[in-house]
Amino acid sequence: MKILAIDYGTKNIGLALSDDRGKLAFVYKVLTPPVGRRVDVFDEIKKICEKEKVDKIIIGLPIGLSGKKTASTELVEDFVKNIKNKININIEVVDERLSTVQASKLKNSQNNIDELSAQILLQDYLDGK
């Protein structure tokens, strides 16, 4: 089962993809849509899902350390609602607390923090299965 992970942000959207067996997560790319052009993002994600034969999408949900919703949580929930209307693939939301902190520790010149966050999110998800 191939899984695409999405780390949604207001400026960048980090993507990571699993191997065909659903065991390992790899950085894939970062989408940086022009302001006000979020519809293009859904088209791009749909194309990626078709090209890579994705079976499932997981999307990181930023929840505060206290376990309560934040302003970012609401933005991601809106994104999830929209993507479910545009892409006909099983979509699951997963807690992404601390994935950005981990990514910032691993960041190097070859990878963007957004795609690293998506990779960490996906690998944690795969390891939990």
N, C-alpha and C. Protein backbone atom coordinates (compact mmCIF):
# COMPACT_ATOMS: atom_id res chain seq x y z
N MET A 1 0.84 -1.18 0.00
CA MET A 1 0.00 0.00 0.00
C MET A 1 0.88 1.24 0.00
N LYS A 2 0.70 2.09 -0.99
CA LYS A 2 1.49 3.31 -1.11
C LYS A 2 0.73 4.46 -0.47
N ILE A 3 1.42 5.21 0.40
CA ILE A 3 0.80 6.29 1.16
C ILE A 3 1.53 7.60 0.89
N LEU A 4 0.74 8.66 0.69
CA LEU A 4 1.26 10.01 0.55
C LEU A 4 0.97 10.75 1.84
N ALA A 5 1.99 11.39 2.41
CA ALA A 5 1.80 12.20 3.61
C ALA A 5 1.87 13.67 3.22
N ILE A 6 0.99 14.45 3.84
CA ILE A 6 0.94 15.89 3.56
C ILE A 6 1.14 16.65 4.87
N ASP A 7 2.14 17.53 4.86
CA ASP A 7 2.35 18.47 5.96
C ASP A 7 1.91 19.83 5.43
N TYR A 8 0.68 20.20 5.76
CA TYR A 8 0.08 21.43 5.23
C TYR A 8 0.58 22.65 5.98
N GLY A 9 0.96 23.66 5.22
CA GLY A 9 1.35 24.94 5.79
C GLY A 9 0.79 26.06 4.95
N THR A 10 0.75 27.25 5.50
CA THR A 10 0.17 28.37 4.76
C THR A 10 1.07 28.83 3.61
N LYS A 11 2.36 28.58 3.69
CA LYS A 11 3.28 28.95 2.61
C LYS A 11 3.70 27.74 1.77
N ASN A 12 4.01 26.65 2.43
CA ASN A 12 4.49 25.45 1.74
C ASN A 12 3.69 24.23 2.20
N ILE A 13 3.62 23.27 1.30
CA ILE A 13 2.98 21.99 1.62
C ILE A 13 4.02 20.91 1.36
N GLY A 14 4.47 20.27 2.43
CA GLY A 14 5.47 19.22 2.31
C GLY A 14 4.83 17.88 2.02
N LEU A 15 5.45 17.12 1.11
CA LEU A 15 4.93 15.81 0.73
C LEU A 15 6.00 14.74 0.95
N ALA A 16 5.56 13.59 1.41
CA ALA A 16 6.42 12.42 1.54
C ALA A 16 5.64 11.24 1.01
N LEU A 17 6.36 10.25 0.52
CA LEU A 17 5.73 9.08 -0.09
C LEU A 17 6.36 7.82 0.47
N SER A 18 5.52 6.82 0.69
CA SER A 18 6.05 5.54 1.18
C SER A 18 6.49 4.68 -0.01
N ASP A 19 7.24 3.65 0.30
CA ASP A 19 7.55 2.65 -0.71
C ASP A 19 6.29 1.83 -0.99
N ASP A 20 6.35 0.97 -1.97
CA ASP A 20 5.17 0.18 -2.36
C ASP A 20 4.66 -0.74 -1.24
N ARG A 21 5.56 -1.17 -0.37
CA ARG A 21 5.16 -2.07 0.71
C ARG A 21 4.64 -1.33 1.94
N GLY A 22 4.75 0.00 1.94
CA GLY A 22 4.28 0.78 3.08
C GLY A 22 5.14 0.61 4.31
N LYS A 23 6.46 0.49 4.09
CA LYS A 23 7.38 0.29 5.22
C LYS A 23 8.29 1.50 5.45
N LEU A 24 8.70 2.18 4.37
CA LEU A 24 9.65 3.28 4.48
C LEU A 24 9.08 4.56 3.89
N ALA A 25 9.41 5.69 4.52
CA ALA A 25 8.95 7.00 4.06
C ALA A 25 10.11 7.76 3.44
N PHE A 26 9.82 8.42 2.33
CA PHE A 26 10.83 9.21 1.62
C PHE A 26 10.29 10.61 1.36
N VAL A 27 11.16 11.62 1.45
CA VAL A 27 10.72 12.96 1.07
C VAL A 27 10.33 12.91 -0.40
N TYR A 28 9.34 13.69 -0.78
CA TYR A 28 8.89 13.67 -2.17
C TYR A 28 9.08 15.04 -2.81
N LYS A 29 8.40 16.04 -2.32
CA LYS A 29 8.57 17.39 -2.84
C LYS A 29 7.83 18.38 -1.96
N VAL A 30 8.03 19.66 -2.27
CA VAL A 30 7.32 20.74 -1.60
C VAL A 30 6.51 21.49 -2.64
N LEU A 31 5.25 21.71 -2.33
CA LEU A 31 4.40 22.52 -3.18
C LEU A 31 4.34 23.92 -2.59
N THR A 32 4.58 24.92 -3.42
CA THR A 32 4.51 26.31 -2.99
C THR A 32 3.58 27.04 -3.93
N PRO A 33 2.28 26.95 -3.67
CA PRO A 33 1.32 27.57 -4.58
C PRO A 33 1.31 29.09 -4.44
N PRO A 34 1.01 29.78 -5.53
CA PRO A 34 0.85 31.24 -5.43
C PRO A 34 -0.30 31.57 -4.49
N VAL A 35 -0.20 32.69 -3.81
CA VAL A 35 -1.25 33.11 -2.87
C VAL A 35 -2.59 33.15 -3.59
N GLY A 36 -3.60 32.57 -2.95
CA GLY A 36 -4.94 32.58 -3.51
C GLY A 36 -5.19 31.53 -4.57
N ARG A 37 -4.22 30.65 -4.81
CA ARG A 37 -4.37 29.64 -5.87
C ARG A 37 -4.35 28.23 -5.29
N ARG A 38 -4.99 28.00 -4.17
CA ARG A 38 -4.99 26.70 -3.50
C ARG A 38 -5.63 25.61 -4.35
N VAL A 39 -6.53 25.97 -5.28
CA VAL A 39 -7.17 24.96 -6.13
C VAL A 39 -6.12 24.21 -6.93
N ASP A 40 -5.09 24.93 -7.38
CA ASP A 40 -4.01 24.29 -8.13
C ASP A 40 -3.34 23.19 -7.31
N VAL A 41 -3.27 23.37 -6.00
CA VAL A 41 -2.64 22.39 -5.12
C VAL A 41 -3.40 21.07 -5.17
N PHE A 42 -4.71 21.12 -5.15
CA PHE A 42 -5.50 19.90 -5.19
C PHE A 42 -5.30 19.17 -6.51
N ASP A 43 -5.22 19.91 -7.60
CA ASP A 43 -4.95 19.31 -8.91
C ASP A 43 -3.58 18.65 -8.92
N GLU A 44 -2.60 19.33 -8.36
CA GLU A 44 -1.22 18.79 -8.32
C GLU A 44 -1.17 17.52 -7.47
N ILE A 45 -1.83 17.53 -6.31
CA ILE A 45 -1.84 16.35 -5.44
C ILE A 45 -2.55 15.19 -6.14
N LYS A 46 -3.63 15.49 -6.83
CA LYS A 46 -4.37 14.45 -7.56
C LYS A 46 -3.47 13.83 -8.63
N LYS A 47 -2.72 14.64 -9.36
CA LYS A 47 -1.79 14.14 -10.38
C LYS A 47 -0.72 13.26 -9.77
N ILE A 48 -0.20 13.68 -8.62
CA ILE A 48 0.83 12.89 -7.93
C ILE A 48 0.25 11.54 -7.52
N CYS A 49 -0.96 11.55 -6.98
CA CYS A 49 -1.61 10.29 -6.56
C CYS A 49 -1.80 9.34 -7.73
N GLU A 50 -2.17 9.87 -8.87
CA GLU A 50 -2.35 9.03 -10.06
C GLU A 50 -1.00 8.51 -10.56
N LYS A 51 -0.02 9.39 -10.65
CA LYS A 51 1.31 9.01 -11.15
C LYS A 51 1.97 7.96 -10.26
N GLU A 52 1.88 8.16 -8.95
CA GLU A 52 2.56 7.28 -8.00
C GLU A 52 1.70 6.11 -7.53
N LYS A 53 0.45 6.05 -8.02
CA LYS A 53 -0.48 4.99 -7.63
C LYS A 53 -0.68 4.93 -6.10
N VAL A 54 -1.01 6.10 -5.55
CA VAL A 54 -1.21 6.24 -4.11
C VAL A 54 -2.55 5.62 -3.70
N ASP A 55 -2.50 4.83 -2.62
CA ASP A 55 -3.70 4.17 -2.10
C ASP A 55 -4.36 4.95 -0.97
N LYS A 56 -3.56 5.79 -0.29
CA LYS A 56 -4.06 6.49 0.89
C LYS A 56 -3.27 7.77 1.09
N ILE A 57 -3.94 8.77 1.64
CA ILE A 57 -3.29 10.03 2.00
C ILE A 57 -3.43 10.21 3.50
N ILE A 58 -2.34 10.58 4.16
CA ILE A 58 -2.44 11.00 5.56
C ILE A 58 -2.05 12.47 5.61
N ILE A 59 -2.76 13.20 6.46
CA ILE A 59 -2.53 14.63 6.60
C ILE A 59 -2.28 14.92 8.07
N GLY A 60 -1.18 15.61 8.34
CA GLY A 60 -0.84 15.95 9.71
C GLY A 60 -1.73 17.03 10.27
N LEU A 61 -2.28 16.78 11.45
CA LEU A 61 -3.13 17.75 12.12
C LEU A 61 -2.36 18.37 13.28
N PRO A 62 -2.09 19.68 13.18
CA PRO A 62 -1.35 20.34 14.26
C PRO A 62 -2.25 20.61 15.46
N ILE A 63 -1.95 19.94 16.53
CA ILE A 63 -2.70 20.11 17.78
C ILE A 63 -1.71 20.68 18.79
N GLY A 64 -2.16 21.60 19.61
CA GLY A 64 -1.29 22.18 20.63
C GLY A 64 -0.79 21.12 21.60
N LEU A 65 0.32 21.40 22.25
CA LEU A 65 0.88 20.44 23.20
C LEU A 65 -0.10 20.13 24.33
N SER A 66 -1.02 21.04 24.57
CA SER A 66 -2.03 20.81 25.60
C SER A 66 -3.12 19.86 25.13
N GLY A 67 -3.09 19.55 23.80
CA GLY A 67 -4.11 18.67 23.24
C GLY A 67 -5.30 19.42 22.68
N LYS A 68 -5.24 20.75 22.73
CA LYS A 68 -6.36 21.57 22.24
C LYS A 68 -6.08 22.08 20.84
N LYS A 69 -7.17 22.41 20.14
CA LYS A 69 -7.06 22.94 18.79
C LYS A 69 -6.41 24.33 18.81
N THR A 70 -5.74 24.64 17.71
CA THR A 70 -5.11 25.94 17.52
C THR A 70 -5.65 26.55 16.23
N ALA A 71 -5.21 27.75 15.91
CA ALA A 71 -5.60 28.38 14.65
C ALA A 71 -5.12 27.53 13.47
N SER A 72 -3.94 26.95 13.59
CA SER A 72 -3.41 26.07 12.54
C SER A 72 -4.26 24.82 12.37
N THR A 73 -4.80 24.32 13.47
CA THR A 73 -5.67 23.15 13.41
C THR A 73 -6.87 23.42 12.51
N GLU A 74 -7.46 24.58 12.68
CA GLU A 74 -8.63 24.94 11.89
C GLU A 74 -8.29 25.09 10.41
N LEU A 75 -7.11 25.64 10.08
CA LEU A 75 -6.69 25.76 8.69
C LEU A 75 -6.54 24.38 8.05
N VAL A 76 -5.94 23.46 8.78
CA VAL A 76 -5.75 22.11 8.25
C VAL A 76 -7.09 21.39 8.12
N GLU A 77 -7.97 21.56 9.06
CA GLU A 77 -9.29 20.93 8.96
C GLU A 77 -10.03 21.43 7.72
N ASP A 78 -9.89 22.71 7.40
CA ASP A 78 -10.50 23.26 6.19
C ASP A 78 -9.87 22.65 4.94
N PHE A 79 -8.54 22.50 4.96
CA PHE A 79 -7.82 21.88 3.85
C PHE A 79 -8.29 20.44 3.65
N VAL A 80 -8.44 19.70 4.75
CA VAL A 80 -8.89 18.30 4.69
C VAL A 80 -10.29 18.22 4.08
N LYS A 81 -11.16 19.09 4.51
CA LYS A 81 -12.53 19.10 3.98
C LYS A 81 -12.50 19.33 2.46
N ASN A 82 -11.67 20.28 2.01
CA ASN A 82 -11.59 20.58 0.58
C ASN A 82 -10.96 19.44 -0.23
N ILE A 83 -9.91 18.84 0.30
CA ILE A 83 -9.23 17.78 -0.46
C ILE A 83 -10.14 16.55 -0.57
N LYS A 84 -10.94 16.29 0.46
CA LYS A 84 -11.87 15.15 0.40
C LYS A 84 -12.92 15.35 -0.69
N ASN A 85 -13.26 16.60 -0.98
CA ASN A 85 -14.22 16.90 -2.04
C ASN A 85 -13.60 16.81 -3.43
N LYS A 86 -12.27 16.88 -3.51
CA LYS A 86 -11.60 16.94 -4.81
C LYS A 86 -10.89 15.65 -5.21
N ILE A 87 -10.50 14.84 -4.22
CA ILE A 87 -9.72 13.64 -4.51
C ILE A 87 -10.42 12.44 -3.88
N ASN A 88 -10.65 11.41 -4.69
CA ASN A 88 -11.38 10.23 -4.24
C ASN A 88 -10.40 9.14 -3.80
N ILE A 89 -9.72 9.39 -2.69
CA ILE A 89 -8.78 8.44 -2.10
C ILE A 89 -9.04 8.45 -0.60
N ASN A 90 -8.80 7.32 0.05
CA ASN A 90 -8.94 7.25 1.50
C ASN A 90 -7.99 8.27 2.14
N ILE A 91 -8.54 9.14 2.97
CA ILE A 91 -7.76 10.19 3.62
C ILE A 91 -7.91 10.06 5.13
N GLU A 92 -6.78 10.09 5.82
CA GLU A 92 -6.77 9.97 7.27
C GLU A 92 -6.00 11.15 7.86
N VAL A 93 -6.50 11.69 8.95
CA VAL A 93 -5.83 12.78 9.65
C VAL A 93 -5.09 12.18 10.85
N VAL A 94 -3.84 12.60 11.03
CA VAL A 94 -3.04 12.07 12.14
C VAL A 94 -2.39 13.22 12.91
N ASP A 95 -2.20 13.02 14.18
CA ASP A 95 -1.58 14.01 15.06
C ASP A 95 -0.13 14.23 14.63
N GLU A 96 0.23 15.47 14.42
CA GLU A 96 1.60 15.76 13.97
C GLU A 96 2.43 16.51 15.01
N ARG A 97 2.00 16.47 16.25
CA ARG A 97 2.76 17.18 17.29
C ARG A 97 4.22 16.77 17.27
N LEU A 98 5.06 17.76 17.29
CA LEU A 98 6.52 17.63 17.37
C LEU A 98 7.21 17.21 16.07
N SER A 99 6.48 16.93 14.99
CA SER A 99 7.16 16.53 13.75
C SER A 99 8.00 17.67 13.19
N THR A 100 7.55 18.91 13.32
CA THR A 100 8.32 20.05 12.82
C THR A 100 9.56 20.26 13.68
N VAL A 101 9.44 20.03 14.98
CA VAL A 101 10.60 20.15 15.87
C VAL A 101 11.65 19.11 15.47
N GLN A 102 11.22 17.87 15.24
CA GLN A 102 12.15 16.82 14.81
C GLN A 102 12.78 17.18 13.47
N ALA A 103 11.97 17.68 12.55
CA ALA A 103 12.48 18.03 11.22
C ALA A 103 13.51 19.14 11.29
N SER A 104 13.32 20.11 12.15
CA SER A 104 14.28 21.21 12.25
C SER A 104 15.63 20.71 12.75
N LYS A 105 15.63 19.65 13.53
CA LYS A 105 16.89 19.06 14.02
C LYS A 105 17.61 18.28 12.92
N LEU A 106 16.84 17.76 11.94
CA LEU A 106 17.41 16.95 10.86
C LEU A 106 17.69 17.75 9.59
N LYS A 107 17.18 18.97 9.52
CA LYS A 107 17.28 19.76 8.29
C LYS A 107 18.73 19.92 7.85
N ASN A 108 18.91 19.76 6.53
CA ASN A 108 20.22 20.02 5.93
C ASN A 108 19.98 20.79 4.63
N SER A 109 21.03 21.05 3.90
CA SER A 109 20.91 21.86 2.69
C SER A 109 20.16 21.15 1.56
N GLN A 110 19.99 19.84 1.66
CA GLN A 110 19.35 19.09 0.58
C GLN A 110 17.83 18.97 0.75
N ASN A 111 17.35 19.17 1.95
CA ASN A 111 15.92 18.98 2.19
C ASN A 111 15.28 20.21 2.81
N ASN A 112 14.03 20.42 2.47
CA ASN A 112 13.21 21.48 3.01
C ASN A 112 12.56 20.97 4.29
N ILE A 113 12.37 21.83 5.26
CA ILE A 113 11.78 21.41 6.54
C ILE A 113 10.36 20.86 6.37
N ASP A 114 9.64 21.37 5.37
CA ASP A 114 8.26 20.91 5.16
C ASP A 114 8.20 19.47 4.66
N GLU A 115 9.09 19.10 3.74
CA GLU A 115 9.10 17.72 3.26
C GLU A 115 9.68 16.78 4.31
N LEU A 116 10.62 17.27 5.12
CA LEU A 116 11.14 16.45 6.22
C LEU A 116 10.05 16.18 7.26
N SER A 117 9.24 17.21 7.54
CA SER A 117 8.13 17.02 8.48
C SER A 117 7.16 15.96 7.96
N ALA A 118 6.88 16.03 6.66
CA ALA A 118 5.98 15.03 6.05
C ALA A 118 6.59 13.63 6.14
N GLN A 119 7.90 13.54 5.92
CA GLN A 119 8.57 12.24 5.99
C GLN A 119 8.51 11.68 7.42
N ILE A 120 8.77 12.52 8.41
CA ILE A 120 8.71 12.08 9.81
C ILE A 120 7.30 11.65 10.17
N LEU A 121 6.33 12.44 9.75
CA LEU A 121 4.93 12.11 9.99
C LEU A 121 4.57 10.75 9.40
N LEU A 122 4.99 10.53 8.17
CA LEU A 122 4.69 9.27 7.48
C LEU A 122 5.42 8.10 8.11
N GLN A 123 6.70 8.27 8.43
CA GLN A 123 7.44 7.15 9.02
C GLN A 123 6.87 6.77 10.38
N ASP A 124 6.49 7.77 11.18
CA ASP A 124 5.84 7.47 12.46
C ASP A 124 4.55 6.69 12.25
N TYR A 125 3.79 7.10 11.25
CA TYR A 125 2.54 6.42 10.91
C TYR A 125 2.81 4.97 10.49
N LEU A 126 3.77 4.77 9.63
CA LEU A 126 4.11 3.43 9.14
C LEU A 126 4.62 2.54 10.28
N ASP A 127 5.44 3.11 11.15
CA ASP A 127 5.99 2.34 12.27
C ASP A 127 4.89 1.93 13.25
N GLY A 128 3.83 2.73 13.34
CA GLY A 128 2.73 2.43 14.25
C GLY A 128 1.77 1.37 13.71
N LYS A 129 1.90 1.03 12.44
CA LYS A 129 1.00 0.04 11.83
C LYS A 129 1.51 -1.36 12.01
